[in-house]
Amino acid sequence: MKKVTRVTNEVIQINEKLGDFFVDIAKLVFAGVVLSTLLDMAESKGFVLFVGVWSTVMFVATGFVIYDLKHKK
């Protein structure tokens, strides 16, 4: 039984770290999009904002899903 508990704790820790990773990536993407739109860009600002916000939402959602997996175990 102790081996199962140990494996479960390791899976929980991995899920927590992976969730943190995706949330951190989302913050970096959002910061990059906001900073890039403040600069004078030749590309379409609307497209860059759309892709940045979409990827931020996807990374945050992935991070929270992984966090949720941690709490279900």
PDB file of N, CA and C in Angstrom:
ATOM      1  N   MET A   1       0.809  -1.202   0.000  1.00  0.00           N
ATOM      2  CA  MET A   1       0.000   0.000   0.000  1.00  0.00           C
ATOM      3  C   MET A   1       0.850   1.261   0.000  1.00  0.00           C
ATOM      4  N   LYS A   2       1.975   1.234   0.665  1.00  0.00           N
ATOM      5  CA  LYS A   2       2.804   2.438   0.726  1.00  0.00           C
ATOM      6  C   LYS A   2       3.354   2.796  -0.644  1.00  0.00           C
ATOM      7  N   LYS A   3       3.628   1.784  -1.472  1.00  0.00           N
ATOM      8  CA  LYS A   3       4.144   2.061  -2.798  1.00  0.00           C
ATOM      9  C   LYS A   3       3.096   2.794  -3.639  1.00  0.00           C
ATOM     10  N   VAL A   4       1.833   2.420  -3.532  1.00  0.00           N
ATOM     11  CA  VAL A   4       0.761   3.094  -4.263  1.00  0.00           C
ATOM     12  C   VAL A   4       0.637   4.538  -3.804  1.00  0.00           C
ATOM     13  N   THR A   5       0.736   4.782  -2.508  1.00  0.00           N
ATOM     14  CA  THR A   5       0.673   6.139  -1.975  1.00  0.00           C
ATOM     15  C   THR A   5       1.831   6.969  -2.497  1.00  0.00           C
ATOM     16  N   ARG A   6       3.000   6.387  -2.559  1.00  0.00           N
ATOM     17  CA  ARG A   6       4.176   7.109  -3.052  1.00  0.00           C
ATOM     18  C   ARG A   6       3.999   7.491  -4.517  1.00  0.00           C
ATOM     19  N   VAL A   7       3.521   6.559  -5.321  1.00  0.00           N
ATOM     20  CA  VAL A   7       3.306   6.838  -6.743  1.00  0.00           C
ATOM     21  C   VAL A   7       2.236   7.915  -6.902  1.00  0.00           C
ATOM     22  N   THR A   8       1.183   7.851  -6.135  1.00  0.00           N
ATOM     23  CA  THR A   8       0.125   8.861  -6.219  1.00  0.00           C
ATOM     24  C   THR A   8       0.668  10.230  -5.850  1.00  0.00           C
ATOM     25  N   ASN A   9       1.492  10.306  -4.830  1.00  0.00           N
ATOM     26  CA  ASN A   9       2.088  11.586  -4.443  1.00  0.00           C
ATOM     27  C   ASN A   9       2.998  12.124  -5.532  1.00  0.00           C
ATOM     28  N   GLU A  10       3.748  11.231  -6.191  1.00  0.00           N
ATOM     29  CA  GLU A  10       4.617  11.671  -7.278  1.00  0.00           C
ATOM     30  C   GLU A  10       3.794  12.175  -8.464  1.00  0.00           C
ATOM     31  N   VAL A  11       2.701  11.506  -8.779  1.00  0.00           N
ATOM     32  CA  VAL A  11       1.835  11.953  -9.877  1.00  0.00           C
ATOM     33  C   VAL A  11       1.221  13.303  -9.537  1.00  0.00           C
ATOM     34  N   ILE A  12       0.799  13.490  -8.305  1.00  0.00           N
ATOM     35  CA  ILE A  12       0.229  14.768  -7.880  1.00  0.00           C
ATOM     36  C   ILE A  12       1.269  15.872  -8.016  1.00  0.00           C
ATOM     37  N   GLN A  13       2.501  15.611  -7.610  1.00  0.00           N
ATOM     38  CA  GLN A  13       3.554  16.625  -7.705  1.00  0.00           C
ATOM     39  C   GLN A  13       3.873  16.945  -9.162  1.00  0.00           C
ATOM     40  N   ILE A  14       3.896  15.933 -10.023  1.00  0.00           N
ATOM     41  CA  ILE A  14       4.156  16.167 -11.446  1.00  0.00           C
ATOM     42  C   ILE A  14       3.031  16.993 -12.054  1.00  0.00           C
ATOM     43  N   ASN A  15       1.777  16.661 -11.720  1.00  0.00           N
ATOM     44  CA  ASN A  15       0.644  17.425 -12.248  1.00  0.00           C
ATOM     45  C   ASN A  15       0.685  18.868 -11.773  1.00  0.00           C
ATOM     46  N   GLU A  16       1.077  19.076 -10.525  1.00  0.00           N
ATOM     47  CA  GLU A  16       1.166  20.439 -10.003  1.00  0.00           C
ATOM     48  C   GLU A  16       2.239  21.234 -10.736  1.00  0.00           C
ATOM     49  N   LYS A  17       3.398  20.631 -10.949  1.00  0.00           N
ATOM     50  CA  LYS A  17       4.479  21.317 -11.669  1.00  0.00           C
ATOM     51  C   LYS A  17       4.097  21.587 -13.118  1.00  0.00           C
ATOM     52  N   LEU A  18       3.432  20.619 -13.753  1.00  0.00           N
ATOM     53  CA  LEU A  18       3.024  20.807 -15.140  1.00  0.00           C
ATOM     54  C   LEU A  18       1.953  21.891 -15.249  1.00  0.00           C
ATOM     55  N   GLY A  19       1.034  21.926 -14.297  1.00  0.00           N
ATOM     56  CA  GLY A  19       0.032  22.985 -14.271  1.00  0.00           C
ATOM     57  C   GLY A  19       0.672  24.348 -14.092  1.00  0.00           C
ATOM     58  N   ASP A  20       1.651  24.436 -13.191  1.00  0.00           N
ATOM     59  CA  ASP A  20       2.388  25.692 -12.997  1.00  0.00           C
ATOM     60  C   ASP A  20       3.083  26.121 -14.282  1.00  0.00           C
ATOM     61  N   PHE A  21       3.660  25.151 -14.992  1.00  0.00           N
ATOM     62  CA  PHE A  21       4.360  25.444 -16.233  1.00  0.00           C
ATOM     63  C   PHE A  21       3.426  26.087 -17.254  1.00  0.00           C
ATOM     64  N   PHE A  22       2.237  25.496 -17.450  1.00  0.00           N
ATOM     65  CA  PHE A  22       1.315  26.035 -18.448  1.00  0.00           C
ATOM     66  C   PHE A  22       0.777  27.408 -18.049  1.00  0.00           C
ATOM     67  N   VAL A  23       0.548  27.624 -16.767  1.00  0.00           N
ATOM     68  CA  VAL A  23       0.089  28.938 -16.323  1.00  0.00           C
ATOM     69  C   VAL A  23       1.200  29.970 -16.513  1.00  0.00           C
ATOM     70  N   ASP A  24       2.438  29.594 -16.248  1.00  0.00           N
ATOM     71  CA  ASP A  24       3.559  30.512 -16.476  1.00  0.00           C
ATOM     72  C   ASP A  24       3.735  30.825 -17.956  1.00  0.00           C
ATOM     73  N   ILE A  25       3.583  29.826 -18.809  1.00  0.00           N
ATOM     74  CA  ILE A  25       3.669  30.062 -20.256  1.00  0.00           C
ATOM     75  C   ILE A  25       2.565  31.019 -20.692  1.00  0.00           C
ATOM     76  N   ALA A  26       1.376  30.857 -20.141  1.00  0.00           N
ATOM     77  CA  ALA A  26       0.267  31.751 -20.488  1.00  0.00           C
ATOM     78  C   ALA A  26       0.584  33.188 -20.091  1.00  0.00           C
ATOM     79  N   LYS A  27       1.174  33.364 -18.915  1.00  0.00           N
ATOM     80  CA  LYS A  27       1.540  34.724 -18.491  1.00  0.00           C
ATOM     81  C   LYS A  27       2.591  35.326 -19.414  1.00  0.00           C
ATOM     82  N   LEU A  28       3.564  34.527 -19.824  1.00  0.00           N
ATOM     83  CA  LEU A  28       4.604  35.030 -20.720  1.00  0.00           C
ATOM     84  C   LEU A  28       4.040  35.377 -22.095  1.00  0.00           C
ATOM     85  N   VAL A  29       3.159  34.551 -22.600  1.00  0.00           N
ATOM     86  CA  VAL A  29       2.549  34.831 -23.908  1.00  0.00           C
ATOM     87  C   VAL A  29       1.733  36.111 -23.834  1.00  0.00           C
ATOM     88  N   PHE A  30       0.931  36.252 -22.785  1.00  0.00           N
ATOM     89  CA  PHE A  30       0.114  37.454 -22.647  1.00  0.00           C
ATOM     90  C   PHE A  30       0.988  38.702 -22.539  1.00  0.00           C
ATOM     91  N   ALA A  31       2.041  38.629 -21.737  1.00  0.00           N
ATOM     92  CA  ALA A  31       2.944  39.777 -21.597  1.00  0.00           C
ATOM     93  C   ALA A  31       3.612  40.100 -22.935  1.00  0.00           C
ATOM     94  N   GLY A  32       4.004  39.072 -23.672  1.00  0.00           N
ATOM     95  CA  GLY A  32       4.620  39.296 -24.984  1.00  0.00           C
ATOM     96  C   GLY A  32       3.665  39.943 -25.959  1.00  0.00           C
ATOM     97  N   VAL A  33       2.411  39.534 -25.937  1.00  0.00           N
ATOM     98  CA  VAL A  33       1.421  40.109 -26.850  1.00  0.00           C
ATOM     99  C   VAL A  33       1.162  41.558 -26.492  1.00  0.00           C
ATOM    100  N   VAL A  34       0.993  41.843 -25.218  1.00  0.00           N
ATOM    101  CA  VAL A  34       0.723  43.222 -24.797  1.00  0.00           C
ATOM    102  C   VAL A  34       1.911  44.115 -25.131  1.00  0.00           C
ATOM    103  N   LEU A  35       3.113  43.642 -24.843  1.00  0.00           N
ATOM    104  CA  LEU A  35       4.295  44.457 -25.132  1.00  0.00           C
ATOM    105  C   LEU A  35       4.506  44.633 -26.630  1.00  0.00           C
ATOM    106  N   SER A  36       4.241  43.591 -27.412  1.00  0.00           N
ATOM    107  CA  SER A  36       4.449  43.710 -28.851  1.00  0.00           C
ATOM    108  C   SER A  36       3.441  44.661 -29.494  1.00  0.00           C
ATOM    109  N   THR A  37       2.234  44.746 -28.941  1.00  0.00           N
ATOM    110  CA  THR A  37       1.257  45.666 -29.521  1.00  0.00           C
ATOM    111  C   THR A  37       1.559  47.106 -29.130  1.00  0.00           C
ATOM    112  N   LEU A  38       2.275  47.290 -28.041  1.00  0.00           N
ATOM    113  CA  LEU A  38       2.662  48.653 -27.668  1.00  0.00           C
ATOM    114  C   LEU A  38       3.735  49.201 -28.600  1.00  0.00           C
ATOM    115  N   LEU A  39       4.514  48.317 -29.191  1.00  0.00           N
ATOM    116  CA  LEU A  39       5.544  48.724 -30.150  1.00  0.00           C
ATOM    117  C   LEU A  39       4.909  48.895 -31.527  1.00  0.00           C
ATOM    118  N   ASP A  40       5.583  49.634 -32.377  1.00  0.00           N
ATOM    119  CA  ASP A  40       5.071  49.823 -33.734  1.00  0.00           C
ATOM    120  C   ASP A  40       5.384  48.575 -34.549  1.00  0.00           C
ATOM    121  N   MET A  41       4.339  47.857 -34.925  1.00  0.00           N
ATOM    122  CA  MET A  41       4.499  46.605 -35.657  1.00  0.00           C
ATOM    123  C   MET A  41       4.028  46.776 -37.087  1.00  0.00           C
ATOM    124  N   ALA A  42       4.647  46.010 -37.988  1.00  0.00           N
ATOM    125  CA  ALA A  42       4.221  46.018 -39.379  1.00  0.00           C
ATOM    126  C   ALA A  42       3.086  45.020 -39.605  1.00  0.00           C
ATOM    127  N   GLU A  43       3.007  43.978 -38.772  1.00  0.00           N
ATOM    128  CA  GLU A  43       1.959  42.972 -38.915  1.00  0.00           C
ATOM    129  C   GLU A  43       0.634  43.521 -38.400  1.00  0.00           C
ATOM    130  N   SER A  44      -0.407  42.814 -38.712  1.00  0.00           N
ATOM    131  CA  SER A  44      -1.737  43.199 -38.264  1.00  0.00           C
ATOM    132  C   SER A  44      -1.837  43.037 -36.748  1.00  0.00           C
ATOM    133  N   LYS A  45      -2.110  44.130 -36.060  1.00  0.00           N
ATOM    134  CA  LYS A  45      -2.196  44.090 -34.601  1.00  0.00           C
ATOM    135  C   LYS A  45      -3.376  43.248 -34.136  1.00  0.00           C
ATOM    136  N   GLY A  46      -4.463  43.283 -34.868  1.00  0.00           N
ATOM    137  CA  GLY A  46      -5.635  42.494 -34.508  1.00  0.00           C
ATOM    138  C   GLY A  46      -5.348  40.999 -34.537  1.00  0.00           C
ATOM    139  N   PHE A  47      -4.635  40.558 -35.570  1.00  0.00           N
ATOM    140  CA  PHE A  47      -4.291  39.143 -35.679  1.00  0.00           C
ATOM    141  C   PHE A  47      -3.350  38.726 -34.557  1.00  0.00           C
ATOM    142  N   VAL A  48      -2.352  39.556 -34.276  1.00  0.00           N
ATOM    143  CA  VAL A  48      -1.405  39.246 -33.199  1.00  0.00           C
ATOM    144  C   VAL A  48      -2.123  39.180 -31.859  1.00  0.00           C
ATOM    145  N   LEU A  49      -3.025  40.114 -31.604  1.00  0.00           N
ATOM    146  CA  LEU A  49      -3.786  40.086 -30.357  1.00  0.00           C
ATOM    147  C   LEU A  49      -4.671  38.851 -30.274  1.00  0.00           C
ATOM    148  N   PHE A  50      -5.330  38.501 -31.379  1.00  0.00           N
ATOM    149  CA  PHE A  50      -6.192  37.316 -31.383  1.00  0.00           C
ATOM    150  C   PHE A  50      -5.393  36.057 -31.077  1.00  0.00           C
ATOM    151  N   VAL A  51      -4.280  35.872 -31.753  1.00  0.00           N
ATOM    152  CA  VAL A  51      -3.454  34.679 -31.534  1.00  0.00           C
ATOM    153  C   VAL A  51      -2.901  34.671 -30.116  1.00  0.00           C
ATOM    154  N   GLY A  52      -2.474  35.814 -29.631  1.00  0.00           N
ATOM    155  CA  GLY A  52      -1.930  35.888 -28.273  1.00  0.00           C
ATOM    156  C   GLY A  52      -2.962  35.602 -27.206  1.00  0.00           C
ATOM    157  N   VAL A  53      -4.138  36.189 -27.339  1.00  0.00           N
ATOM    158  CA  VAL A  53      -5.191  35.951 -26.346  1.00  0.00           C
ATOM    159  C   VAL A  53      -5.679  34.510 -26.424  1.00  0.00           C
ATOM    160  N   TRP A  54      -5.825  33.982 -27.625  1.00  0.00           N
ATOM    161  CA  TRP A  54      -6.262  32.601 -27.787  1.00  0.00           C
ATOM    162  C   TRP A  54      -5.262  31.629 -27.157  1.00  0.00           C
ATOM    163  N   SER A  55      -3.972  31.831 -27.433  1.00  0.00           N
ATOM    164  CA  SER A  55      -2.973  30.924 -26.870  1.00  0.00           C
ATOM    165  C   SER A  55      -2.883  31.082 -25.360  1.00  0.00           C
ATOM    166  N   THR A  56      -3.070  32.300 -24.851  1.00  0.00           N
ATOM    167  CA  THR A  56      -3.076  32.501 -23.398  1.00  0.00           C
ATOM    168  C   THR A  56      -4.224  31.730 -22.764  1.00  0.00           C
ATOM    169  N   VAL A  57      -5.395  31.823 -23.341  1.00  0.00           N
ATOM    170  CA  VAL A  57      -6.553  31.105 -22.803  1.00  0.00           C
ATOM    171  C   VAL A  57      -6.319  29.597 -22.859  1.00  0.00           C
ATOM    172  N   MET A  58      -5.759  29.113 -23.941  1.00  0.00           N
ATOM    173  CA  MET A  58      -5.505  27.680 -24.076  1.00  0.00           C
ATOM    174  C   MET A  58      -4.484  27.195 -23.042  1.00  0.00           C
ATOM    175  N   PHE A  59      -3.414  27.956 -22.832  1.00  0.00           N
ATOM    176  CA  PHE A  59      -2.404  27.556 -21.841  1.00  0.00           C
ATOM    177  C   PHE A  59      -2.980  27.591 -20.429  1.00  0.00           C
ATOM    178  N   VAL A  60      -3.758  28.605 -20.127  1.00  0.00           N
ATOM    179  CA  VAL A  60      -4.371  28.689 -18.791  1.00  0.00           C
ATOM    180  C   VAL A  60      -5.353  27.536 -18.596  1.00  0.00           C
ATOM    181  N   ALA A  61      -6.153  27.255 -19.603  1.00  0.00           N
ATOM    182  CA  ALA A  61      -7.107  26.146 -19.497  1.00  0.00           C
ATOM    183  C   ALA A  61      -6.376  24.819 -19.300  1.00  0.00           C
ATOM    184  N   THR A  62      -5.308  24.608 -20.047  1.00  0.00           N
ATOM    185  CA  THR A  62      -4.517  23.388 -19.885  1.00  0.00           C
ATOM    186  C   THR A  62      -3.934  23.296 -18.488  1.00  0.00           C
ATOM    187  N   GLY A  63      -3.415  24.407 -17.995  1.00  0.00           N
ATOM    188  CA  GLY A  63      -2.854  24.421 -16.639  1.00  0.00           C
ATOM    189  C   GLY A  63      -3.895  24.108 -15.587  1.00  0.00           C
ATOM    190  N   PHE A  64      -5.081  24.680 -15.719  1.00  0.00           N
ATOM    191  CA  PHE A  64      -6.125  24.429 -14.729  1.00  0.00           C
ATOM    192  C   PHE A  64      -6.683  23.013 -14.822  1.00  0.00           C
ATOM    193  N   VAL A  65      -6.737  22.457 -16.023  1.00  0.00           N
ATOM    194  CA  VAL A  65      -7.167  21.062 -16.158  1.00  0.00           C
ATOM    195  C   VAL A  65      -6.177  20.153 -15.449  1.00  0.00           C
ATOM    196  N   ILE A  66      -4.899  20.434 -15.613  1.00  0.00           N
ATOM    197  CA  ILE A  66      -3.885  19.620 -14.946  1.00  0.00           C
ATOM    198  C   ILE A  66      -3.954  19.818 -13.442  1.00  0.00           C
ATOM    199  N   TYR A  67      -4.193  21.041 -12.974  1.00  0.00           N
ATOM    200  CA  TYR A  67      -4.397  21.267 -11.553  1.00  0.00           C
ATOM    201  C   TYR A  67      -5.583  20.442 -11.045  1.00  0.00           C
ATOM    202  N   ASP A  68      -6.652  20.401 -11.841  1.00  0.00           N
ATOM    203  CA  ASP A  68      -7.840  19.655 -11.442  1.00  0.00           C
ATOM    204  C   ASP A  68      -7.543  18.161 -11.343  1.00  0.00           C
ATOM    205  N   LEU A  69      -6.709  17.648 -12.231  1.00  0.00           N
ATOM    206  CA  LEU A  69      -6.312  16.244 -12.144  1.00  0.00           C
ATOM    207  C   LEU A  69      -5.604  15.962 -10.821  1.00  0.00           C
ATOM    208  N   LYS A  70      -4.868  16.942 -10.349  1.00  0.00           N
ATOM    209  CA  LYS A  70      -4.152  16.791  -9.084  1.00  0.00           C
ATOM    210  C   LYS A  70      -5.129  16.588  -7.937  1.00  0.00           C
ATOM    211  N   HIS A  71      -6.212  17.321  -7.940  1.00  0.00           N
ATOM    212  CA  HIS A  71      -7.155  17.264  -6.836  1.00  0.00           C
ATOM    213  C   HIS A  71      -8.088  16.066  -6.904  1.00  0.00           C
ATOM    214  N   LYS A  72      -8.231  15.440  -8.074  1.00  0.00           N
ATOM    215  CA  LYS A  72      -9.099  14.282  -8.193  1.00  0.00           C
ATOM    216  C   LYS A  72      -8.462  13.017  -7.649  1.00  0.00           C
ATOM    217  N   LYS A  73      -7.156  12.973  -7.610  1.00  0.00           N
ATOM    218  CA  LYS A  73      -6.457  11.758  -7.177  1.00  0.00           C
ATOM    219  C   LYS A  73      -6.450  11.629  -5.679  1.00  0.00           C
TER     220      LYS A  73
END
